[in-house]
PDB file of N, CA and C in Angstrom:
ATOM      1  N   VAL A   1      -8.959 -23.830  -0.142  1.00  0.00           N
ATOM      2  CA  VAL A   1      -8.280 -22.692  -0.732  1.00  0.00           C
ATOM      3  C   VAL A   1      -9.330 -21.687  -1.338  1.00  0.00           C
ATOM      4  N   GLY A   2     -10.338 -22.121  -1.820  1.00  0.00           N
ATOM      5  CA  GLY A   2     -11.380 -21.242  -2.484  1.00  0.00           C
ATOM      6  C   GLY A   2     -11.984 -20.282  -1.378  1.00  0.00           C
ATOM      7  N   ALA A   3     -12.159 -20.833  -0.160  1.00  0.00           N
ATOM      8  CA  ALA A   3     -12.917 -20.029   0.826  1.00  0.00           C
ATOM      9  C   ALA A   3     -11.878 -18.816   1.201  1.00  0.00           C
ATOM     10  N   THR A   4     -10.594 -19.266   1.485  1.00  0.00           N
ATOM     11  CA  THR A   4      -9.764 -18.253   1.830  1.00  0.00           C
ATOM     12  C   THR A   4      -9.535 -17.205   0.725  1.00  0.00           C
ATOM     13  N   VAL A   5      -9.499 -17.574  -0.562  1.00  0.00           N
ATOM     14  CA  VAL A   5      -9.410 -16.508  -1.626  1.00  0.00           C
ATOM     15  C   VAL A   5     -10.609 -15.738  -1.603  1.00  0.00           C
ATOM     16  N   ASN A   6     -11.735 -16.291  -1.449  1.00  0.00           N
ATOM     17  CA  ASN A   6     -12.972 -15.399  -1.419  1.00  0.00           C
ATOM     18  C   ASN A   6     -13.147 -14.436  -0.273  1.00  0.00           C
ATOM     19  N   LEU A   7     -12.706 -14.934   0.823  1.00  0.00           N
ATOM     20  CA  LEU A   7     -12.611 -14.073   2.068  1.00  0.00           C
ATOM     21  C   LEU A   7     -11.598 -12.870   1.879  1.00  0.00           C
ATOM     22  N   LEU A   8     -10.504 -13.177   1.205  1.00  0.00           N
ATOM     23  CA  LEU A   8      -9.442 -12.300   0.986  1.00  0.00           C
ATOM     24  C   LEU A   8      -9.977 -11.086   0.135  1.00  0.00           C
ATOM     25  N   LEU A   9     -10.533 -11.563  -0.967  1.00  0.00           N
ATOM     26  CA  LEU A   9     -11.111 -10.573  -2.053  1.00  0.00           C
ATOM     27  C   LEU A   9     -12.325  -9.794  -1.348  1.00  0.00           C
ATOM     28  N   ALA A  10     -12.994 -10.337  -0.571  1.00  0.00           N
ATOM     29  CA  ALA A  10     -14.152  -9.534   0.181  1.00  0.00           C
ATOM     30  C   ALA A  10     -13.641  -8.560   1.192  1.00  0.00           C
ATOM     31  N   ALA A  11     -12.651  -9.000   1.806  1.00  0.00           N
ATOM     32  CA  ALA A  11     -12.066  -8.215   3.016  1.00  0.00           C
ATOM     33  C   ALA A  11     -11.292  -7.020   2.700  1.00  0.00           C
ATOM     34  N   VAL A  12     -10.542  -7.139   1.393  1.00  0.00           N
ATOM     35  CA  VAL A  12      -9.439  -6.140   1.191  1.00  0.00           C
ATOM     36  C   VAL A  12     -10.015  -4.822   1.047  1.00  0.00           C
ATOM     37  N   LEU A  13     -11.320  -4.675   0.536  1.00  0.00           N
ATOM     38  CA  LEU A  13     -11.806  -3.322   0.452  1.00  0.00           C
ATOM     39  C   LEU A  13     -12.931  -2.848   1.415  1.00  0.00           C
ATOM     40  N   ARG A  14     -12.939  -3.689   2.655  1.00  0.00           N
ATOM     41  CA  ARG A  14     -13.718  -3.268   3.621  1.00  0.00           C
ATOM     42  C   ARG A  14     -12.908  -2.247   4.620  1.00  0.00           C
ATOM     43  N   THR A  15     -13.533  -1.387   5.280  1.00  0.00           N
ATOM     44  CA  THR A  15     -12.769  -0.356   6.074  1.00  0.00           C
ATOM     45  C   THR A  15     -12.378  -0.765   7.393  1.00  0.00           C
ATOM     46  N   GLU A  16     -12.573  -2.070   7.694  1.00  0.00           N
ATOM     47  CA  GLU A  16     -12.175  -2.409   9.148  1.00  0.00           C
ATOM     48  C   GLU A  16     -11.260  -3.694   8.866  1.00  0.00           C
ATOM     49  N   GLU A  17     -10.680  -4.024  10.142  1.00  0.00           N
ATOM     50  CA  GLU A  17      -9.836  -5.142  10.258  1.00  0.00           C
ATOM     51  C   GLU A  17     -10.658  -6.491  10.142  1.00  0.00           C
ATOM     52  N   PHE A  18     -10.121  -7.468   9.239  1.00  0.00           N
ATOM     53  CA  PHE A  18     -10.744  -8.735   9.309  1.00  0.00           C
ATOM     54  C   PHE A  18      -9.653  -9.919   9.332  1.00  0.00           C
ATOM     55  N   THR A  19      -9.896 -10.801  10.191  1.00  0.00           N
ATOM     56  CA  THR A  19      -8.897 -11.847  10.382  1.00  0.00           C
ATOM     57  C   THR A  19      -9.528 -13.213   9.936  1.00  0.00           C
ATOM     58  N   ILE A  20      -8.719 -13.933   9.082  1.00  0.00           N
ATOM     59  CA  ILE A  20      -9.152 -15.261   8.603  1.00  0.00           C
ATOM     60  C   ILE A  20      -8.443 -16.328   9.408  1.00  0.00           C
ATOM     61  N   GLU A  21      -9.133 -17.077  10.168  1.00  0.00           N
ATOM     62  CA  GLU A  21      -8.615 -18.143  11.010  1.00  0.00           C
ATOM     63  C   GLU A  21      -8.574 -19.432  10.179  1.00  0.00           C
ATOM     64  N   ASN A  22      -7.554 -20.349  10.368  1.00  0.00           N
ATOM     65  CA  ASN A  22      -7.512 -21.567   9.609  1.00  0.00           C
ATOM     66  C   ASN A  22      -7.389 -21.321   8.179  1.00  0.00           C
ATOM     67  N   ALA A  23      -6.677 -20.299   7.610  1.00  0.00           N
ATOM     68  CA  ALA A  23      -6.605 -19.914   6.370  1.00  0.00           C
ATOM     69  C   ALA A  23      -5.843 -20.957   5.545  1.00  0.00           C
ATOM     70  N   ALA A  24      -5.988 -21.097   4.379  1.00  0.00           N
ATOM     71  CA  ALA A  24      -5.268 -22.045   3.428  1.00  0.00           C
ATOM     72  C   ALA A  24      -3.961 -21.508   3.261  1.00  0.00           C
ATOM     73  N   MET A  25      -2.901 -22.267   3.324  1.00  0.00           N
ATOM     74  CA  MET A  25      -1.416 -21.827   3.118  1.00  0.00           C
ATOM     75  C   MET A  25      -0.921 -22.249   1.894  1.00  0.00           C
ATOM     76  N   GLU A  26      -1.658 -22.572   0.911  1.00  0.00           N
ATOM     77  CA  GLU A  26      -1.176 -22.982  -0.424  1.00  0.00           C
ATOM     78  C   GLU A  26      -0.394 -21.953  -1.141  1.00  0.00           C
ATOM     79  N   PRO A  27       0.438 -22.138  -2.006  1.00  0.00           N
ATOM     80  CA  PRO A  27       1.311 -21.128  -2.721  1.00  0.00           C
ATOM     81  C   PRO A  27       0.435 -20.206  -3.582  1.00  0.00           C
ATOM     82  N   ASP A  28      -0.728 -20.562  -4.076  1.00  0.00           N
ATOM     83  CA  ASP A  28      -1.618 -19.687  -4.903  1.00  0.00           C
ATOM     84  C   ASP A  28      -2.250 -18.634  -3.818  1.00  0.00           C
ATOM     85  N   VAL A  29      -2.572 -19.023  -2.587  1.00  0.00           N
ATOM     86  CA  VAL A  29      -2.996 -17.953  -1.665  1.00  0.00           C
ATOM     87  C   VAL A  29      -1.962 -17.024  -1.356  1.00  0.00           C
ATOM     88  N   VAL A  30      -0.671 -17.476  -1.079  1.00  0.00           N
ATOM     89  CA  VAL A  30       0.351 -16.652  -0.769  1.00  0.00           C
ATOM     90  C   VAL A  30       0.624 -15.691  -1.970  1.00  0.00           C
ATOM     91  N   GLN A  31       0.598 -16.186  -3.222  1.00  0.00           N
ATOM     92  CA  GLN A  31       0.861 -15.308  -4.421  1.00  0.00           C
ATOM     93  C   GLN A  31      -0.374 -14.323  -4.468  1.00  0.00           C
ATOM     94  N   LEU A  32      -1.552 -14.620  -4.233  1.00  0.00           N
ATOM     95  CA  LEU A  32      -2.583 -13.587  -4.304  1.00  0.00           C
ATOM     96  C   LEU A  32      -2.491 -12.612  -3.274  1.00  0.00           C
ATOM     97  N   CYS A  33      -1.988 -12.944  -2.114  1.00  0.00           N
ATOM     98  CA  CYS A  33      -1.779 -11.987  -0.971  1.00  0.00           C
ATOM     99  C   CYS A  33      -0.671 -11.044  -1.446  1.00  0.00           C
ATOM    100  N   ASN A  34       0.373 -11.498  -1.952  1.00  0.00           N
ATOM    101  CA  ASN A  34       1.496 -10.687  -2.358  1.00  0.00           C
ATOM    102  C   ASN A  34       1.099  -9.718  -3.450  1.00  0.00           C
ATOM    103  N   VAL A  35       0.216 -10.172  -4.390  1.00  0.00           N
ATOM    104  CA  VAL A  35      -0.183  -9.238  -5.453  1.00  0.00           C
ATOM    105  C   VAL A  35      -1.172  -8.225  -4.857  1.00  0.00           C
ATOM    106  N   LEU A  36      -2.056  -8.520  -3.965  1.00  0.00           N
ATOM    107  CA  LEU A  36      -2.895  -7.648  -3.387  1.00  0.00           C
ATOM    108  C   LEU A  36      -2.057  -6.460  -2.558  1.00  0.00           C
ATOM    109  N   VAL A  37      -0.934  -6.986  -1.881  1.00  0.00           N
ATOM    110  CA  VAL A  37      -0.075  -6.103  -1.133  1.00  0.00           C
ATOM    111  C   VAL A  37       0.519  -5.000  -2.210  1.00  0.00           C
ATOM    112  N   LYS A  38       0.938  -5.662  -3.339  1.00  0.00           N
ATOM    113  CA  LYS A  38       1.492  -4.717  -4.408  1.00  0.00           C
ATOM    114  C   LYS A  38       0.603  -3.802  -4.795  1.00  0.00           C
ATOM    115  N   MET A  39      -0.673  -4.137  -4.855  1.00  0.00           N
ATOM    116  CA  MET A  39      -1.853  -3.180  -5.304  1.00  0.00           C
ATOM    117  C   MET A  39      -2.242  -2.276  -4.317  1.00  0.00           C
ATOM    118  N   GLY A  40      -1.602  -2.292  -2.989  1.00  0.00           N
ATOM    119  CA  GLY A  40      -1.856  -1.380  -1.911  1.00  0.00           C
ATOM    120  C   GLY A  40      -2.614  -1.989  -0.696  1.00  0.00           C
ATOM    121  N   ALA A  41      -3.002  -3.236  -0.739  1.00  0.00           N
ATOM    122  CA  ALA A  41      -3.621  -3.937   0.479  1.00  0.00           C
ATOM    123  C   ALA A  41      -2.697  -3.939   1.571  1.00  0.00           C
ATOM    124  N   ASP A  42      -3.301  -4.029   2.779  1.00  0.00           N
ATOM    125  CA  ASP A  42      -2.550  -4.162   4.049  1.00  0.00           C
ATOM    126  C   ASP A  42      -2.936  -5.481   4.731  1.00  0.00           C
ATOM    127  N   ILE A  43      -2.091  -6.385   4.355  1.00  0.00           N
ATOM    128  CA  ILE A  43      -2.260  -7.896   4.746  1.00  0.00           C
ATOM    129  C   ILE A  43      -0.980  -8.306   5.617  1.00  0.00           C
ATOM    130  N   SER A  44      -1.244  -8.945   6.746  1.00  0.00           N
ATOM    131  CA  SER A  44      -0.181  -9.663   7.518  1.00  0.00           C
ATOM    132  C   SER A  44      -0.586 -11.061   7.780  1.00  0.00           C
ATOM    133  N   GLY A  45       0.504 -11.715   8.096  1.00  0.00           N
ATOM    134  CA  GLY A  45       0.318 -13.213   8.291  1.00  0.00           C
ATOM    135  C   GLY A  45       0.239 -14.047   7.025  1.00  0.00           C
ATOM    136  N   ILE A  46       0.838 -13.466   6.065  1.00  0.00           N
ATOM    137  CA  ILE A  46       0.867 -14.228   4.628  1.00  0.00           C
ATOM    138  C   ILE A  46       1.772 -15.446   4.825  1.00  0.00           C
ATOM    139  N   GLY A  47       1.144 -16.585   4.375  1.00  0.00           N
ATOM    140  CA  GLY A  47       1.781 -17.964   4.545  1.00  0.00           C
ATOM    141  C   GLY A  47       1.489 -18.652   5.662  1.00  0.00           C
ATOM    142  N   THR A  48       0.744 -17.993   6.531  1.00  0.00           N
ATOM    143  CA  THR A  48       0.318 -18.665   7.870  1.00  0.00           C
ATOM    144  C   THR A  48      -1.108 -19.111   7.721  1.00  0.00           C
ATOM    145  N   ASP A  49      -1.648 -19.731   8.879  1.00  0.00           N
ATOM    146  CA  ASP A  49      -3.036 -20.120   8.949  1.00  0.00           C
ATOM    147  C   ASP A  49      -3.944 -18.989   9.632  1.00  0.00           C
ATOM    148  N   ARG A  50      -3.276 -17.811   9.773  1.00  0.00           N
ATOM    149  CA  ARG A  50      -4.018 -16.639  10.484  1.00  0.00           C
ATOM    150  C   ARG A  50      -3.602 -15.436   9.569  1.00  0.00           C
ATOM    151  N   ILE A  51      -4.414 -14.898   8.707  1.00  0.00           N
ATOM    152  CA  ILE A  51      -4.237 -13.713   7.801  1.00  0.00           C
ATOM    153  C   ILE A  51      -5.178 -12.683   8.279  1.00  0.00           C
ATOM    154  N   THR A  52      -4.427 -11.465   8.533  1.00  0.00           N
ATOM    155  CA  THR A  52      -5.136 -10.345   8.952  1.00  0.00           C
ATOM    156  C   THR A  52      -5.234  -9.402   7.723  1.00  0.00           C
ATOM    157  N   VAL A  53      -6.366  -8.803   7.433  1.00  0.00           N
ATOM    158  CA  VAL A  53      -6.460  -7.890   6.390  1.00  0.00           C
ATOM    159  C   VAL A  53      -7.120  -6.476   6.973  1.00  0.00           C
ATOM    160  N   ARG A  54      -6.425  -5.423   6.702  1.00  0.00           N
ATOM    161  CA  ARG A  54      -6.847  -4.104   7.276  1.00  0.00           C
ATOM    162  C   ARG A  54      -7.331  -3.514   5.990  1.00  0.00           C
ATOM    163  N   GLY A  55      -8.626  -3.336   5.889  1.00  0.00           N
ATOM    164  CA  GLY A  55      -9.219  -2.826   4.661  1.00  0.00           C
ATOM    165  C   GLY A  55      -8.659  -1.423   4.117  1.00  0.00           C
ATOM    166  N   VAL A  56      -8.707  -1.266   2.788  1.00  0.00           N
ATOM    167  CA  VAL A  56      -8.331  -0.027   2.295  1.00  0.00           C
ATOM    168  C   VAL A  56      -9.459   0.446   1.394  1.00  0.00           C
ATOM    169  N   GLU A  57      -9.409   1.873   1.102  1.00  0.00           N
ATOM    170  CA  GLU A  57     -10.521   2.438   0.174  1.00  0.00           C
ATOM    171  C   GLU A  57     -10.416   1.956  -1.185  1.00  0.00           C
ATOM    172  N   SER A  58      -9.164   1.822  -1.646  1.00  0.00           N
ATOM    173  CA  SER A  58      -9.062   1.330  -3.128  1.00  0.00           C
ATOM    174  C   SER A  58      -7.687   0.790  -3.379  1.00  0.00           C
ATOM    175  N   LEU A  59      -7.698  -0.043  -4.575  1.00  0.00           N
ATOM    176  CA  LEU A  59      -6.348  -0.662  -4.793  1.00  0.00           C
ATOM    177  C   LEU A  59      -5.908   0.006  -6.132  1.00  0.00           C
ATOM    178  N   ASN A  60      -4.601  -0.198  -6.326  1.00  0.00           N
ATOM    179  CA  ASN A  60      -3.904   0.298  -7.494  1.00  0.00           C
ATOM    180  C   ASN A  60      -3.789  -0.786  -8.502  1.00  0.00           C
ATOM    181  N   GLY A  61      -3.536  -0.380  -9.808  1.00  0.00           N
ATOM    182  CA  GLY A  61      -3.279  -1.367 -10.701  1.00  0.00           C
ATOM    183  C   GLY A  61      -1.806  -1.879 -10.555  1.00  0.00           C
ATOM    184  N   VAL A  62      -1.429  -2.954 -11.114  1.00  0.00           N
ATOM    185  CA  VAL A  62      -0.118  -3.465 -11.002  1.00  0.00           C
ATOM    186  C   VAL A  62       0.126  -4.477 -12.150  1.00  0.00           C
ATOM    187  N   GLU A  63       1.444  -4.452 -12.580  1.00  0.00           N
ATOM    188  CA  GLU A  63       1.730  -5.341 -13.609  1.00  0.00           C
ATOM    189  C   GLU A  63       2.509  -6.630 -12.929  1.00  0.00           C
ATOM    190  N   ILE A  64       2.053  -7.821 -13.176  1.00  0.00           N
ATOM    191  CA  ILE A  64       2.659  -8.966 -12.885  1.00  0.00           C
ATOM    192  C   ILE A  64       3.208  -9.902 -13.947  1.00  0.00           C
ATOM    193  N   ALA A  65       4.289 -10.517 -13.664  1.00  0.00           N
ATOM    194  CA  ALA A  65       4.834 -11.434 -14.851  1.00  0.00           C
ATOM    195  C   ALA A  65       4.182 -12.751 -14.573  1.00  0.00           C
ATOM    196  N   THR A  66       4.015 -13.532 -15.618  1.00  0.00           N
ATOM    197  CA  THR A  66       3.327 -14.834 -15.562  1.00  0.00           C
ATOM    198  C   THR A  66       4.353 -15.845 -15.723  1.00  0.00           C
TER     199      THR A  66
END
């Protein structure tokens, strides 16, 4: 789980496409992806073992309920 989270956070602000193979599919990874998408990230394959991140220049703030 930790490796997938670290790769997601590193890839989201890159200006190129990045694919994570054998990604963790735990609920916390899915939740992180969904929050990043709400912030403006371009992520596909959420909830699968192959997540593709198309980097963006910046992310927006977002409010989330706990």
